[in-house]
Amino acid sequence: MDPKIIEQLIKNHIDCQIVEVEGEDRTHYDALVVSIAFEGQMKIKRHRMIYAALGDHMVSDIHALSIKAYTPEEHNNL
């Protein structure tokens, strides 16, 4: 699956300031997602939001997904 399609799926379901997905082999991906929607959410909830955005693709097209999910403030403080 093209990383740009994954980015768009996430953007379609979560109001994001930044979404960057890399995956050269098109089965293993690294995602950076920055969203105000993550404010007040624990890490597991943030990941669940992203998994929900990807739906069945998590079973059929994506073998592994490494996620870095931050609020805008957290991302600015990196």
Protein backbone atom coordinates (compact mmCIF):
# COMPACT_ATOMS: atom_id res chain seq x y z
CA MET A 1 0.00 0.00 0.00
CA ASP A 2 1.32 3.41 -0.92
CA PRO A 3 2.26 5.48 2.17
CA LYS A 4 0.39 8.47 0.70
CA ILE A 5 -2.85 6.46 0.79
CA ILE A 6 -2.27 5.71 4.48
CA GLU A 7 -1.66 9.41 5.12
CA GLN A 8 -4.93 10.29 3.39
CA LEU A 9 -6.92 7.66 5.32
CA ILE A 10 -5.63 9.13 8.59
CA LYS A 11 -6.36 12.70 7.45
CA ASN A 12 -9.90 11.69 6.47
CA HIS A 13 -10.68 10.54 10.02
CA ILE A 14 -8.52 12.71 12.30
CA ASP A 15 -8.00 16.46 12.16
CA CYS A 16 -4.20 16.46 11.78
CA GLN A 17 -1.65 19.21 11.64
CA ILE A 18 1.03 16.78 10.40
CA VAL A 19 0.81 13.27 8.93
CA GLU A 20 3.93 11.64 7.54
CA VAL A 21 4.06 7.95 6.66
CA GLU A 22 7.09 6.11 5.32
CA GLY A 23 7.25 2.51 4.17
CA GLU A 24 9.70 1.54 1.49
CA ASP A 25 8.66 -2.12 1.38
CA ARG A 26 4.96 -1.19 1.41
CA THR A 27 4.09 -3.54 4.29
CA HIS A 28 6.09 -2.05 7.21
CA TYR A 29 5.43 1.61 7.98
CA ASP A 30 6.52 4.43 10.28
CA ALA A 31 3.92 7.11 10.96
CA LEU A 32 4.21 10.53 12.55
CA VAL A 33 0.80 12.00 13.38
CA VAL A 34 0.36 15.37 15.08
CA SER A 35 -3.17 16.30 16.03
CA ILE A 36 -5.01 18.51 18.46
CA ALA A 37 -7.44 15.58 18.78
CA PHE A 38 -4.79 13.80 20.86
CA GLU A 39 -4.93 16.38 23.65
CA GLY A 40 -5.86 14.68 26.91
CA GLN A 41 -5.61 11.22 25.31
CA MET A 42 -3.29 8.48 26.55
CA LYS A 43 -0.90 6.86 24.08
CA ILE A 44 -3.08 3.76 23.64
CA LYS A 45 -6.15 5.87 22.80
CA ARG A 46 -4.16 7.83 20.22
CA HIS A 47 -3.02 4.61 18.57
CA ARG A 48 -6.57 3.24 18.59
CA MET A 49 -7.76 6.39 16.82
CA ILE A 50 -5.18 5.83 14.09
CA TYR A 51 -6.01 2.10 13.82
CA ALA A 52 -9.69 3.00 13.50
CA ALA A 53 -8.87 5.40 10.67
CA LEU A 54 -7.07 2.61 8.82
CA GLY A 55 -9.82 0.05 9.39
CA ASP A 56 -9.48 -3.23 7.51
CA HIS A 57 -6.19 -2.11 5.95
CA MET A 58 -4.56 -2.96 9.30
CA VAL A 59 -5.42 -6.60 8.61
CA SER A 60 -5.04 -6.86 4.86
CA ASP A 61 -2.44 -4.33 3.69
CA ILE A 62 -0.36 -3.22 6.66
CA HIS A 63 1.89 -5.80 8.30
CA ALA A 64 3.50 -3.47 10.84
CA LEU A 65 2.94 0.15 11.80
CA SER A 66 5.20 2.11 14.13
CA ILE A 67 3.34 5.17 15.41
CA LYS A 68 4.53 8.43 16.91
CA ALA A 69 1.40 10.37 17.90
CA TYR A 70 1.75 13.82 19.44
CA THR A 71 -0.27 16.89 20.23
CA PRO A 72 1.03 20.03 18.48
CA GLU A 73 2.52 21.25 21.78
CA GLU A 74 4.31 17.92 22.40
CA HIS A 75 5.67 17.95 18.85
CA ASN A 76 6.93 21.52 19.21
CA ASN A 77 8.78 20.54 22.40
CA LEU A 78 10.71 17.66 20.81
